[in-house]
Amino acid sequence: MRTLWKALALWALTAVPAAAETRLLMGVEDGCMWCARWEAQIGPIYPKTTEGEMAPLWQVDINDPLPSDVTLDRPMVFTPTFVVIEDGVEIGRIEGYPGEDFFWGLLGQILGLPPAQT
């Protein structure tokens, strides 16, 4: 009987794929006024949003090397650059900060969220 339970437990663990780790990588640089504007308008509320729960923020300086387990389609050149990564691989990006009205819509598209109702 124990063997049956062990087999069922093993099957249950392998039958459900692990959830993908999704992050919002924000490439910043010292003195970036658009980064500061994002921080003022979005930064305080981002972790409390659906988007923030789906893709927690990870800020990096664009001049610093990325960890070896992160693969981007191309280097980050502009600041801020927002790159959604899933399991270390880029799935979409926003270059620059288009203002809070456009930011949420663009990020929602990348994350596969339905358009916001106004």
PDB file of N, CA and C in Angstrom:
ATOM      1  N   MET A   1       0.816  -1.195   0.000  1.00  0.00           N
ATOM      2  CA  MET A   1       0.000   0.000   0.000  1.00  0.00           C
ATOM      3  C   MET A   1       0.859   1.257   0.000  1.00  0.00           C
ATOM      4  N   ARG A   2       1.966   1.214   0.758  1.00  0.00           N
ATOM      5  CA  ARG A   2       2.854   2.379   0.791  1.00  0.00           C
ATOM      6  C   ARG A   2       3.425   2.677  -0.586  1.00  0.00           C
ATOM      7  N   THR A   3       3.745   1.643  -1.321  1.00  0.00           N
ATOM      8  CA  THR A   3       4.293   1.820  -2.661  1.00  0.00           C
ATOM      9  C   THR A   3       3.289   2.540  -3.552  1.00  0.00           C
ATOM     10  N   LEU A   4       2.010   2.178  -3.413  1.00  0.00           N
ATOM     11  CA  LEU A   4       0.967   2.833  -4.194  1.00  0.00           C
ATOM     12  C   LEU A   4       0.902   4.322  -3.862  1.00  0.00           C
ATOM     13  N   TRP A   5       0.939   4.678  -2.577  1.00  0.00           N
ATOM     14  CA  TRP A   5       0.901   6.091  -2.173  1.00  0.00           C
ATOM     15  C   TRP A   5       2.125   6.843  -2.683  1.00  0.00           C
ATOM     16  N   LYS A   6       3.281   6.212  -2.624  1.00  0.00           N
ATOM     17  CA  LYS A   6       4.501   6.853  -3.142  1.00  0.00           C
ATOM     18  C   LYS A   6       4.385   7.080  -4.639  1.00  0.00           C
ATOM     19  N   ALA A   7       3.841   6.100  -5.340  1.00  0.00           N
ATOM     20  CA  ALA A   7       3.666   6.235  -6.790  1.00  0.00           C
ATOM     21  C   ALA A   7       2.683   7.346  -7.107  1.00  0.00           C
ATOM     22  N   LEU A   8       1.573   7.414  -6.352  1.00  0.00           N
ATOM     23  CA  LEU A   8       0.596   8.484  -6.569  1.00  0.00           C
ATOM     24  C   LEU A   8       1.191   9.858  -6.263  1.00  0.00           C
ATOM     25  N   ALA A   9       1.970   9.959  -5.203  1.00  0.00           N
ATOM     26  CA  ALA A   9       2.603  11.231  -4.848  1.00  0.00           C
ATOM     27  C   ALA A   9       3.583  11.657  -5.936  1.00  0.00           C
ATOM     28  N   LEU A  10       4.362  10.719  -6.442  1.00  0.00           N
ATOM     29  CA  LEU A  10       5.309  11.036  -7.514  1.00  0.00           C
ATOM     30  C   LEU A  10       4.578  11.471  -8.765  1.00  0.00           C
ATOM     31  N   TRP A  11       3.482  10.790  -9.099  1.00  0.00           N
ATOM     32  CA  TRP A  11       2.694  11.160 -10.270  1.00  0.00           C
ATOM     33  C   TRP A  11       2.124  12.570 -10.109  1.00  0.00           C
ATOM     34  N   ALA A  12       1.618  12.886  -8.927  1.00  0.00           N
ATOM     35  CA  ALA A  12       1.039  14.203  -8.680  1.00  0.00           C
ATOM     36  C   ALA A  12       2.083  15.297  -8.842  1.00  0.00           C
ATOM     37  N   LEU A  13       3.294  15.040  -8.416  1.00  0.00           N
ATOM     38  CA  LEU A  13       4.354  16.037  -8.545  1.00  0.00           C
ATOM     39  C   LEU A  13       4.757  16.249  -9.993  1.00  0.00           C
ATOM     40  N   THR A  14       4.711  15.199 -10.793  1.00  0.00           N
ATOM     41  CA  THR A  14       5.143  15.331 -12.188  1.00  0.00           C
ATOM     42  C   THR A  14       4.001  15.706 -13.112  1.00  0.00           C
ATOM     43  N   ALA A  15       2.758  15.502 -12.690  1.00  0.00           N
ATOM     44  CA  ALA A  15       1.615  15.778 -13.550  1.00  0.00           C
ATOM     45  C   ALA A  15       1.334  17.268 -13.675  1.00  0.00           C
ATOM     46  N   VAL A  16       1.700  18.044 -12.678  1.00  0.00           N
ATOM     47  CA  VAL A  16       1.447  19.490 -12.697  1.00  0.00           C
ATOM     48  C   VAL A  16       2.773  20.207 -12.915  1.00  0.00           C
ATOM     49  N   PRO A  17       2.906  20.903 -14.057  1.00  0.00           N
ATOM     50  CA  PRO A  17       4.165  21.594 -14.283  1.00  0.00           C
ATOM     51  C   PRO A  17       4.370  22.713 -13.269  1.00  0.00           C
ATOM     52  N   ALA A  18       5.615  22.950 -12.931  1.00  0.00           N
ATOM     53  CA  ALA A  18       5.947  24.035 -12.009  1.00  0.00           C
ATOM     54  C   ALA A  18       5.598  25.370 -12.655  1.00  0.00           C
ATOM     55  N   ALA A  19       5.155  26.298 -11.855  1.00  0.00           N
ATOM     56  CA  ALA A  19       4.824  27.624 -12.372  1.00  0.00           C
ATOM     57  C   ALA A  19       6.095  28.315 -12.842  1.00  0.00           C
ATOM     58  N   ALA A  20       5.979  28.987 -13.969  1.00  0.00           N
ATOM     59  CA  ALA A  20       7.125  29.710 -14.512  1.00  0.00           C
ATOM     60  C   ALA A  20       7.411  30.925 -13.643  1.00  0.00           C
ATOM     61  N   GLU A  21       8.692  31.235 -13.490  1.00  0.00           N
ATOM     62  CA  GLU A  21       9.054  32.441 -12.756  1.00  0.00           C
ATOM     63  C   GLU A  21       9.086  33.600 -13.742  1.00  0.00           C
ATOM     64  N   THR A  22       8.238  34.583 -13.498  1.00  0.00           N
ATOM     65  CA  THR A  22       8.159  35.760 -14.352  1.00  0.00           C
ATOM     66  C   THR A  22       8.587  36.957 -13.536  1.00  0.00           C
ATOM     67  N   ARG A  23       9.432  37.796 -14.136  1.00  0.00           N
ATOM     68  CA  ARG A  23       9.924  39.006 -13.462  1.00  0.00           C
ATOM     69  C   ARG A  23       9.858  40.170 -14.445  1.00  0.00           C
ATOM     70  N   LEU A  24       9.752  41.380 -13.915  1.00  0.00           N
ATOM     71  CA  LEU A  24       9.883  42.590 -14.719  1.00  0.00           C
ATOM     72  C   LEU A  24      11.260  43.163 -14.425  1.00  0.00           C
ATOM     73  N   LEU A  25      12.135  43.025 -15.378  1.00  0.00           N
ATOM     74  CA  LEU A  25      13.495  43.544 -15.270  1.00  0.00           C
ATOM     75  C   LEU A  25      13.468  44.996 -15.730  1.00  0.00           C
ATOM     76  N   MET A  26      13.857  45.910 -14.852  1.00  0.00           N
ATOM     77  CA  MET A  26      13.884  47.334 -15.190  1.00  0.00           C
ATOM     78  C   MET A  26      15.332  47.761 -15.281  1.00  0.00           C
ATOM     79  N   GLY A  27      15.774  48.089 -16.490  1.00  0.00           N
ATOM     80  CA  GLY A  27      17.126  48.582 -16.697  1.00  0.00           C
ATOM     81  C   GLY A  27      17.168  50.072 -16.422  1.00  0.00           C
ATOM     82  N   VAL A  28      18.012  50.473 -15.488  1.00  0.00           N
ATOM     83  CA  VAL A  28      18.124  51.870 -15.069  1.00  0.00           C
ATOM     84  C   VAL A  28      19.561  52.343 -15.202  1.00  0.00           C
ATOM     85  N   GLU A  29      19.736  53.633 -14.999  1.00  0.00           N
ATOM     86  CA  GLU A  29      21.062  54.247 -15.052  1.00  0.00           C
ATOM     87  C   GLU A  29      21.023  55.492 -14.177  1.00  0.00           C
ATOM     88  N   ASP A  30      22.106  55.781 -13.487  1.00  0.00           N
ATOM     89  CA  ASP A  30      22.172  56.983 -12.652  1.00  0.00           C
ATOM     90  C   ASP A  30      21.836  58.221 -13.477  1.00  0.00           C
ATOM     91  N   GLY A  31      21.011  59.097 -12.909  1.00  0.00           N
ATOM     92  CA  GLY A  31      20.669  60.352 -13.551  1.00  0.00           C
ATOM     93  C   GLY A  31      19.552  60.266 -14.574  1.00  0.00           C
ATOM     94  N   CYS A  32      18.925  59.125 -14.710  1.00  0.00           N
ATOM     95  CA  CYS A  32      17.846  58.952 -15.692  1.00  0.00           C
ATOM     96  C   CYS A  32      16.565  59.608 -15.162  1.00  0.00           C
ATOM     97  N   MET A  33      16.161  60.701 -15.803  1.00  0.00           N
ATOM     98  CA  MET A  33      14.970  61.409 -15.331  1.00  0.00           C
ATOM     99  C   MET A  33      13.694  60.617 -15.582  1.00  0.00           C
ATOM    100  N   TRP A  34      13.666  59.784 -16.631  1.00  0.00           N
ATOM    101  CA  TRP A  34      12.486  58.980 -16.916  1.00  0.00           C
ATOM    102  C   TRP A  34      12.362  57.829 -15.918  1.00  0.00           C
ATOM    103  N   CYS A  35      13.508  57.335 -15.441  1.00  0.00           N
ATOM    104  CA  CYS A  35      13.492  56.316 -14.371  1.00  0.00           C
ATOM    105  C   CYS A  35      12.901  56.932 -13.104  1.00  0.00           C
ATOM    106  N   ALA A  36      13.319  58.149 -12.803  1.00  0.00           N
ATOM    107  CA  ALA A  36      12.811  58.849 -11.618  1.00  0.00           C
ATOM    108  C   ALA A  36      11.310  59.110 -11.747  1.00  0.00           C
ATOM    109  N   ARG A  37      10.869  59.446 -12.942  1.00  0.00           N
ATOM    110  CA  ARG A  37       9.439  59.690 -13.153  1.00  0.00           C
ATOM    111  C   ARG A  37       8.653  58.392 -12.944  1.00  0.00           C
ATOM    112  N   TRP A  38       9.172  57.264 -13.485  1.00  0.00           N
ATOM    113  CA  TRP A  38       8.519  55.972 -13.275  1.00  0.00           C
ATOM    114  C   TRP A  38       8.456  55.663 -11.785  1.00  0.00           C
ATOM    115  N   GLU A  39       9.576  55.886 -11.091  1.00  0.00           N
ATOM    116  CA  GLU A  39       9.630  55.623  -9.641  1.00  0.00           C
ATOM    117  C   GLU A  39       8.572  56.440  -8.897  1.00  0.00           C
ATOM    118  N   ALA A  40       8.364  57.687  -9.307  1.00  0.00           N
ATOM    119  CA  ALA A  40       7.396  58.555  -8.638  1.00  0.00           C
ATOM    120  C   ALA A  40       5.956  58.164  -8.957  1.00  0.00           C
ATOM    121  N   GLN A  41       5.692  57.823 -10.226  1.00  0.00           N
ATOM    122  CA  GLN A  41       4.320  57.563 -10.647  1.00  0.00           C
ATOM    123  C   GLN A  41       3.877  56.110 -10.448  1.00  0.00           C
ATOM    124  N   ILE A  42       4.764  55.175 -10.658  1.00  0.00           N
ATOM    125  CA  ILE A  42       4.400  53.759 -10.669  1.00  0.00           C
ATOM    126  C   ILE A  42       5.036  52.985  -9.511  1.00  0.00           C
ATOM    127  N   GLY A  43       6.277  53.308  -9.195  1.00  0.00           N
ATOM    128  CA  GLY A  43       7.050  52.546  -8.216  1.00  0.00           C
ATOM    129  C   GLY A  43       6.325  52.196  -6.931  1.00  0.00           C
ATOM    130  N   PRO A  44       5.684  53.169  -6.263  1.00  0.00           N
ATOM    131  CA  PRO A  44       5.041  52.846  -4.979  1.00  0.00           C
ATOM    132  C   PRO A  44       3.862  51.880  -5.104  1.00  0.00           C
ATOM    133  N   ILE A  45       3.148  51.899  -6.224  1.00  0.00           N
ATOM    134  CA  ILE A  45       1.963  51.047  -6.333  1.00  0.00           C
ATOM    135  C   ILE A  45       2.230  49.740  -7.080  1.00  0.00           C
ATOM    136  N   TYR A  46       3.324  49.671  -7.837  1.00  0.00           N
ATOM    137  CA  TYR A  46       3.570  48.497  -8.680  1.00  0.00           C
ATOM    138  C   TYR A  46       3.466  47.172  -7.925  1.00  0.00           C
ATOM    139  N   PRO A  47       4.102  47.005  -6.763  1.00  0.00           N
ATOM    140  CA  PRO A  47       4.027  45.706  -6.073  1.00  0.00           C
ATOM    141  C   PRO A  47       2.615  45.324  -5.635  1.00  0.00           C
ATOM    142  N   LYS A  48       1.708  46.299  -5.554  1.00  0.00           N
ATOM    143  CA  LYS A  48       0.346  46.050  -5.073  1.00  0.00           C
ATOM    144  C   LYS A  48      -0.622  45.710  -6.204  1.00  0.00           C
ATOM    145  N   THR A  49      -0.147  45.726  -7.442  1.00  0.00           N
ATOM    146  CA  THR A  49      -1.008  45.518  -8.598  1.00  0.00           C
ATOM    147  C   THR A  49      -0.966  44.062  -9.058  1.00  0.00           C
ATOM    148  N   THR A  50      -1.910  43.712  -9.910  1.00  0.00           N
ATOM    149  CA  THR A  50      -1.918  42.382 -10.529  1.00  0.00           C
ATOM    150  C   THR A  50      -0.619  42.164 -11.288  1.00  0.00           C
ATOM    151  N   GLU A  51      -0.198  43.183 -12.030  1.00  0.00           N
ATOM    152  CA  GLU A  51       1.042  43.083 -12.799  1.00  0.00           C
ATOM    153  C   GLU A  51       2.241  42.847 -11.872  1.00  0.00           C
ATOM    154  N   GLY A  52       2.263  43.575 -10.764  1.00  0.00           N
ATOM    155  CA  GLY A  52       3.352  43.432  -9.810  1.00  0.00           C
ATOM    156  C   GLY A  52       3.384  42.064  -9.143  1.00  0.00           C
ATOM    157  N   GLU A  53       2.218  41.484  -8.956  1.00  0.00           N
ATOM    158  CA  GLU A  53       2.158  40.131  -8.399  1.00  0.00           C
ATOM    159  C   GLU A  53       2.595  39.099  -9.435  1.00  0.00           C
ATOM    160  N   MET A  54       2.209  39.329 -10.692  1.00  0.00           N
ATOM    161  CA  MET A  54       2.571  38.389 -11.759  1.00  0.00           C
ATOM    162  C   MET A  54       4.051  38.464 -12.109  1.00  0.00           C
ATOM    163  N   ALA A  55       4.593  39.678 -12.090  1.00  0.00           N
ATOM    164  CA  ALA A  55       5.978  39.904 -12.509  1.00  0.00           C
ATOM    165  C   ALA A  55       6.649  40.867 -11.536  1.00  0.00           C
ATOM    166  N   PRO A  56       7.153  40.355 -10.420  1.00  0.00           N
ATOM    167  CA  PRO A  56       7.826  41.232  -9.454  1.00  0.00           C
ATOM    168  C   PRO A  56       8.985  41.995 -10.098  1.00  0.00           C
ATOM    169  N   LEU A  57       9.186  43.213  -9.612  1.00  0.00           N
ATOM    170  CA  LEU A  57      10.204  44.106 -10.167  1.00  0.00           C
ATOM    171  C   LEU A  57      11.609  43.693  -9.744  1.00  0.00           C
ATOM    172  N   TRP A  58      12.513  43.803 -10.697  1.00  0.00           N
ATOM    173  CA  TRP A  58      13.937  43.539 -10.460  1.00  0.00           C
ATOM    174  C   TRP A  58      14.698  44.640 -11.197  1.00  0.00           C
ATOM    175  N   GLN A  59      15.272  45.585 -10.469  1.00  0.00           N
ATOM    176  CA  GLN A  59      16.000  46.694 -11.084  1.00  0.00           C
ATOM    177  C   GLN A  59      17.473  46.349 -11.223  1.00  0.00           C
ATOM    178  N   VAL A  60      18.024  46.677 -12.399  1.00  0.00           N
ATOM    179  CA  VAL A  60      19.450  46.479 -12.657  1.00  0.00           C
ATOM    180  C   VAL A  60      19.985  47.689 -13.401  1.00  0.00           C
ATOM    181  N   ASP A  61      21.244  48.002 -13.172  1.00  0.00           N
ATOM    182  CA  ASP A  61      21.922  49.055 -13.921  1.00  0.00           C
ATOM    183  C   ASP A  61      22.274  48.484 -15.296  1.00  0.00           C
ATOM    184  N   ILE A  62      21.942  49.208 -16.364  1.00  0.00           N
ATOM    185  CA  ILE A  62      22.181  48.663 -17.708  1.00  0.00           C
ATOM    186  C   ILE A  62      23.671  48.502 -18.010  1.00  0.00           C
ATOM    187  N   ASN A  63      24.521  49.110 -17.212  1.00  0.00           N
ATOM    188  CA  ASN A  63      25.965  48.992 -17.432  1.00  0.00           C
ATOM    189  C   ASN A  63      26.575  47.795 -16.707  1.00  0.00           C
ATOM    190  N   ASP A  64      25.808  47.164 -15.835  1.00  0.00           N
ATOM    191  CA  ASP A  64      26.290  45.998 -15.100  1.00  0.00           C
ATOM    192  C   ASP A  64      25.962  44.722 -15.876  1.00  0.00           C
ATOM    193  N   PRO A  65      26.801  43.709 -15.751  1.00  0.00           N
ATOM    194  CA  PRO A  65      26.482  42.449 -16.432  1.00  0.00           C
ATOM    195  C   PRO A  65      25.270  41.774 -15.784  1.00  0.00           C
ATOM    196  N   LEU A  66      24.482  41.108 -16.618  1.00  0.00           N
ATOM    197  CA  LEU A  66      23.341  40.351 -16.121  1.00  0.00           C
ATOM    198  C   LEU A  66      23.805  38.978 -15.661  1.00  0.00           C
ATOM    199  N   PRO A  67      23.045  38.349 -14.789  1.00  0.00           N
ATOM    200  CA  PRO A  67      23.389  36.974 -14.411  1.00  0.00           C
ATOM    201  C   PRO A  67      23.407  36.077 -15.650  1.00  0.00           C
ATOM    202  N   SER A  68      24.204  35.034 -15.610  1.00  0.00           N
ATOM    203  CA  SER A  68      24.365  34.161 -16.775  1.00  0.00           C
ATOM    204  C   SER A  68      23.091  33.400 -17.126  1.00  0.00           C
ATOM    205  N   ASP A  69      22.139  33.296 -16.194  1.00  0.00           N
ATOM    206  CA  ASP A  69      20.907  32.567 -16.492  1.00  0.00           C
ATOM    207  C   ASP A  69      19.799  33.461 -17.047  1.00  0.00           C
ATOM    208  N   VAL A  70      20.139  34.704 -17.432  1.00  0.00           N
ATOM    209  CA  VAL A  70      19.178  35.624 -18.048  1.00  0.00           C
ATOM    210  C   VAL A  70      19.578  35.823 -19.504  1.00  0.00           C
ATOM    211  N   THR A  71      18.609  35.590 -20.408  1.00  0.00           N
ATOM    212  CA  THR A  71      18.853  35.733 -21.839  1.00  0.00           C
ATOM    213  C   THR A  71      17.925  36.794 -22.406  1.00  0.00           C
ATOM    214  N   LEU A  72      18.515  37.871 -22.912  1.00  0.00           N
ATOM    215  CA  LEU A  72      17.740  38.932 -23.546  1.00  0.00           C
ATOM    216  C   LEU A  72      17.866  38.826 -25.062  1.00  0.00           C
ATOM    217  N   ASP A  73      16.839  39.313 -25.781  1.00  0.00           N
ATOM    218  CA  ASP A  73      16.889  39.311 -27.246  1.00  0.00           C
ATOM    219  C   ASP A  73      17.983  40.237 -27.761  1.00  0.00           C
ATOM    220  N   ARG A  74      18.196  41.326 -27.035  1.00  0.00           N
ATOM    221  CA  ARG A  74      19.242  42.291 -27.395  1.00  0.00           C
ATOM    222  C   ARG A  74      19.588  43.082 -26.136  1.00  0.00           C
ATOM    223  N   PRO A  75      20.744  43.730 -26.117  1.00  0.00           N
ATOM    224  CA  PRO A  75      21.137  44.483 -24.914  1.00  0.00           C
ATOM    225  C   PRO A  75      20.161  45.627 -24.608  1.00  0.00           C
ATOM    226  N   MET A  76      20.119  46.016 -23.356  1.00  0.00           N
ATOM    227  CA  MET A  76      19.359  47.198 -22.963  1.00  0.00           C
ATOM    228  C   MET A  76      20.240  48.415 -23.221  1.00  0.00           C
ATOM    229  N   VAL A  77      19.733  49.357 -24.001  1.00  0.00           N
ATOM    230  CA  VAL A  77      20.495  50.547 -24.372  1.00  0.00           C
ATOM    231  C   VAL A  77      19.877  51.799 -23.764  1.00  0.00           C
ATOM    232  N   PHE A  78      18.562  51.881 -23.789  1.00  0.00           N
ATOM    233  CA  PHE A  78      17.838  53.057 -23.309  1.00  0.00           C
ATOM    234  C   PHE A  78      17.376  52.838 -21.873  1.00  0.00           C
ATOM    235  N   THR A  79      17.248  53.950 -21.137  1.00  0.00           N
ATOM    236  CA  THR A  79      16.702  53.839 -19.790  1.00  0.00           C
ATOM    237  C   THR A  79      15.473  54.723 -19.673  1.00  0.00           C
ATOM    238  N   PRO A  80      14.490  54.224 -18.975  1.00  0.00           N
ATOM    239  CA  PRO A  80      14.417  52.852 -18.500  1.00  0.00           C
ATOM    240  C   PRO A  80      14.027  51.903 -19.638  1.00  0.00           C
ATOM    241  N   THR A  81      14.452  50.676 -19.518  1.00  0.00           N
ATOM    242  CA  THR A  81      13.972  49.597 -20.376  1.00  0.00           C
ATOM    243  C   THR A  81      13.348  48.566 -19.461  1.00  0.00           C
ATOM    244  N   PHE A  82      12.141  48.154 -19.793  1.00  0.00           N
ATOM    245  CA  PHE A  82      11.411  47.166 -19.015  1.00  0.00           C
ATOM    246  C   PHE A  82      11.364  45.878 -19.821  1.00  0.00           C
ATOM    247  N   VAL A  83      11.915  44.810 -19.279  1.00  0.00           N
ATOM    248  CA  VAL A  83      11.949  43.530 -19.974  1.00  0.00           C
ATOM    249  C   VAL A  83      11.233  42.502 -19.115  1.00  0.00           C
ATOM    250  N   VAL A  84      10.192  41.907 -19.665  1.00  0.00           N
ATOM    251  CA  VAL A  84       9.518  40.822 -18.969  1.00  0.00           C
ATOM    252  C   VAL A  84      10.292  39.553 -19.298  1.00  0.00           C
ATOM    253  N   ILE A  85      10.753  38.890 -18.248  1.00  0.00           N
ATOM    254  CA  ILE A  85      11.485  37.639 -18.441  1.00  0.00           C
ATOM    255  C   ILE A  85      10.710  36.512 -17.769  1.00  0.00           C
ATOM    256  N   GLU A  86      10.681  35.395 -18.447  1.00  0.00           N
ATOM    257  CA  GLU A  86      10.026  34.206 -17.917  1.00  0.00           C
ATOM    258  C   GLU A  86      11.058  33.095 -17.898  1.00  0.00           C
ATOM    259  N   ASP A  87      11.310  32.576 -16.719  1.00  0.00           N
ATOM    260  CA  ASP A  87      12.348  31.555 -16.531  1.00  0.00           C
ATOM    261  C   ASP A  87      13.674  31.993 -17.150  1.00  0.00           C
ATOM    262  N   GLY A  88      13.987  33.291 -16.991  1.00  0.00           N
ATOM    263  CA  GLY A  88      15.268  33.823 -17.435  1.00  0.00           C
ATOM    264  C   GLY A  88      15.343  34.223 -18.893  1.00  0.00           C
ATOM    265  N   VAL A  89      14.236  34.087 -19.643  1.00  0.00           N
ATOM    266  CA  VAL A  89      14.239  34.395 -21.077  1.00  0.00           C
ATOM    267  C   VAL A  89      13.274  35.542 -21.362  1.00  0.00           C
ATOM    268  N   GLU A  90      13.722  36.495 -22.165  1.00  0.00           N
ATOM    269  CA  GLU A  90      12.885  37.646 -22.520  1.00  0.00           C
ATOM    270  C   GLU A  90      11.656  37.205 -23.303  1.00  0.00           C
ATOM    271  N   ILE A  91      10.486  37.733 -22.877  1.00  0.00           N
ATOM    272  CA  ILE A  91       9.259  37.473 -23.631  1.00  0.00           C
ATOM    273  C   ILE A  91       8.642  38.759 -24.170  1.00  0.00           C
ATOM    274  N   GLY A  92       9.164  39.907 -23.754  1.00  0.00           N
ATOM    275  CA  GLY A  92       8.672  41.181 -24.253  1.00  0.00           C
ATOM    276  C   GLY A  92       9.383  42.330 -23.565  1.00  0.00           C
ATOM    277  N   ARG A  93       9.332  43.498 -24.212  1.00  0.00           N
ATOM    278  CA  ARG A  93       9.996  44.662 -23.606  1.00  0.00           C
ATOM    279  C   ARG A  93       9.298  45.952 -23.969  1.00  0.00           C
ATOM    280  N   ILE A  94       9.528  46.949 -23.108  1.00  0.00           N
ATOM    281  CA  ILE A  94       9.090  48.328 -23.321  1.00  0.00           C
ATOM    282  C   ILE A  94      10.347  49.170 -23.191  1.00  0.00           C
ATOM    283  N   GLU A  95      10.693  49.874 -24.264  1.00  0.00           N
ATOM    284  CA  GLU A  95      11.887  50.735 -24.210  1.00  0.00           C
ATOM    285  C   GLU A  95      11.443  52.161 -23.945  1.00  0.00           C
ATOM    286  N   GLY A  96      11.939  52.717 -22.857  1.00  0.00           N
ATOM    287  CA  GLY A  96      11.542  54.050 -22.442  1.00  0.00           C
ATOM    288  C   GLY A  96      10.314  53.977 -21.558  1.00  0.00           C
ATOM    289  N   TYR A  97       9.961  55.095 -20.973  1.00  0.00           N
ATOM    290  CA  TYR A  97       8.764  55.177 -20.136  1.00  0.00           C
ATOM    291  C   TYR A  97       7.754  56.058 -20.844  1.00  0.00           C
ATOM    292  N   PRO A  98       6.663  55.449 -21.367  1.00  0.00           N
ATOM    293  CA  PRO A  98       5.692  56.211 -22.150  1.00  0.00           C
ATOM    294  C   PRO A  98       4.646  56.953 -21.326  1.00  0.00           C
ATOM    295  N   GLY A  99       4.818  57.004 -20.012  1.00  0.00           N
ATOM    296  CA  GLY A  99       3.820  57.598 -19.120  1.00  0.00           C
ATOM    297  C   GLY A  99       2.941  56.497 -18.566  1.00  0.00           C
ATOM    298  N   GLU A 100       2.314  56.779 -17.419  1.00  0.00           N
ATOM    299  CA  GLU A 100       1.591  55.709 -16.733  1.00  0.00           C
ATOM    300  C   GLU A 100       0.398  55.181 -17.511  1.00  0.00           C
ATOM    301  N   ASP A 101      -0.287  56.007 -18.279  1.00  0.00           N
ATOM    302  CA  ASP A 101      -1.445  55.523 -19.035  1.00  0.00           C
ATOM    303  C   ASP A 101      -1.044  54.446 -20.047  1.00  0.00           C
ATOM    304  N   PHE A 102       0.025  54.671 -20.764  1.00  0.00           N
ATOM    305  CA  PHE A 102       0.467  53.711 -21.772  1.00  0.00           C
ATOM    306  C   PHE A 102       1.253  52.553 -21.159  1.00  0.00           C
ATOM    307  N   PHE A 103       1.994  52.805 -20.098  1.00  0.00           N
ATOM    308  CA  PHE A 103       2.808  51.769 -19.474  1.00  0.00           C
ATOM    309  C   PHE A 103       1.961  50.561 -19.077  1.00  0.00           C
ATOM    310  N   TRP A 104       0.849  50.808 -18.382  1.00  0.00           N
ATOM    311  CA  TRP A 104       0.014  49.706 -17.898  1.00  0.00           C
ATOM    312  C   TRP A 104      -0.538  48.888 -19.058  1.00  0.00           C
ATOM    313  N   GLY A 105      -0.983  49.544 -20.107  1.00  0.00           N
ATOM    314  CA  GLY A 105      -1.530  48.828 -21.261  1.00  0.00           C
ATOM    315  C   GLY A 105      -0.485  47.978 -21.963  1.00  0.00           C
ATOM    316  N   LEU A 106       0.697  48.555 -22.168  1.00  0.00           N
ATOM    317  CA  LEU A 106       1.771  47.804 -22.831  1.00  0.00           C
ATOM    318  C   LEU A 106       2.224  46.617 -21.988  1.00  0.00           C
ATOM    319  N   LEU A 107       2.394  46.832 -20.685  1.00  0.00           N
ATOM    320  CA  LEU A 107       2.809  45.745 -19.812  1.00  0.00           C
ATOM    321  C   LEU A 107       1.728  44.666 -19.756  1.00  0.00           C
ATOM    322  N   GLY A 108       0.478  45.081 -19.696  1.00  0.00           N
ATOM    323  CA  GLY A 108      -0.626  44.121 -19.682  1.00  0.00           C
ATOM    324  C   GLY A 108      -0.650  43.254 -20.928  1.00  0.00           C
ATOM    325  N   GLN A 109      -0.353  43.846 -22.082  1.00  0.00           N
ATOM    326  CA  GLN A 109      -0.295  43.065 -23.327  1.00  0.00           C
ATOM    327  C   GLN A 109       0.790  41.995 -23.242  1.00  0.00           C
ATOM    328  N   ILE A 110       1.960  42.378 -22.757  1.00  0.00           N
ATOM    329  CA  ILE A 110       3.066  41.424 -22.651  1.00  0.00           C
ATOM    330  C   ILE A 110       2.699  40.286 -21.697  1.00  0.00           C
ATOM    331  N   LEU A 111       2.034  40.626 -20.607  1.00  0.00           N
ATOM    332  CA  LEU A 111       1.667  39.626 -19.604  1.00  0.00           C
ATOM    333  C   LEU A 111       0.428  38.837 -19.960  1.00  0.00           C
ATOM    334  N   GLY A 112      -0.246  39.233 -21.058  1.00  0.00           N
ATOM    335  CA  GLY A 112      -1.439  38.512 -21.500  1.00  0.00           C
ATOM    336  C   GLY A 112      -2.686  38.843 -20.706  1.00  0.00           C
ATOM    337  N   LEU A 113      -2.729  40.036 -20.124  1.00  0.00           N
ATOM    338  CA  LEU A 113      -3.902  40.464 -19.366  1.00  0.00           C
ATOM    339  C   LEU A 113      -4.951  41.044 -20.311  1.00  0.00           C
ATOM    340  N   PRO A 114      -6.233  40.936 -19.963  1.00  0.00           N
ATOM    341  CA  PRO A 114      -7.268  41.564 -20.802  1.00  0.00           C
ATOM    342  C   PRO A 114      -7.148  43.081 -20.712  1.00  0.00           C
ATOM    343  N   PRO A 115      -7.549  43.779 -21.768  1.00  0.00           N
ATOM    344  CA  PRO A 115      -7.471  45.252 -21.727  1.00  0.00           C
ATOM    345  C   PRO A 115      -8.328  45.805 -20.584  1.00  0.00           C
ATOM    346  N   ALA A 116      -7.840  46.879 -19.982  1.00  0.00           N
ATOM    347  CA  ALA A 116      -8.567  47.513 -18.877  1.00  0.00           C
ATOM    348  C   ALA A 116      -9.850  48.151 -19.418  1.00  0.00           C
ATOM    349  N   GLN A 117     -10.890  48.041 -18.649  1.00  0.00           N
ATOM    350  CA  GLN A 117     -12.181  48.660 -19.009  1.00  0.00           C
ATOM    351  C   GLN A 117     -12.219  50.065 -18.430  1.00  0.00           C
ATOM    352  N   THR A 118     -12.561  51.034 -19.257  1.00  0.00           N
ATOM    353  CA  THR A 118     -12.640  52.414 -18.769  1.00  0.00           C
ATOM    354  C   THR A 118     -14.052  52.877 -18.637  1.00  0.00           C
TER     355      THR A 118
END
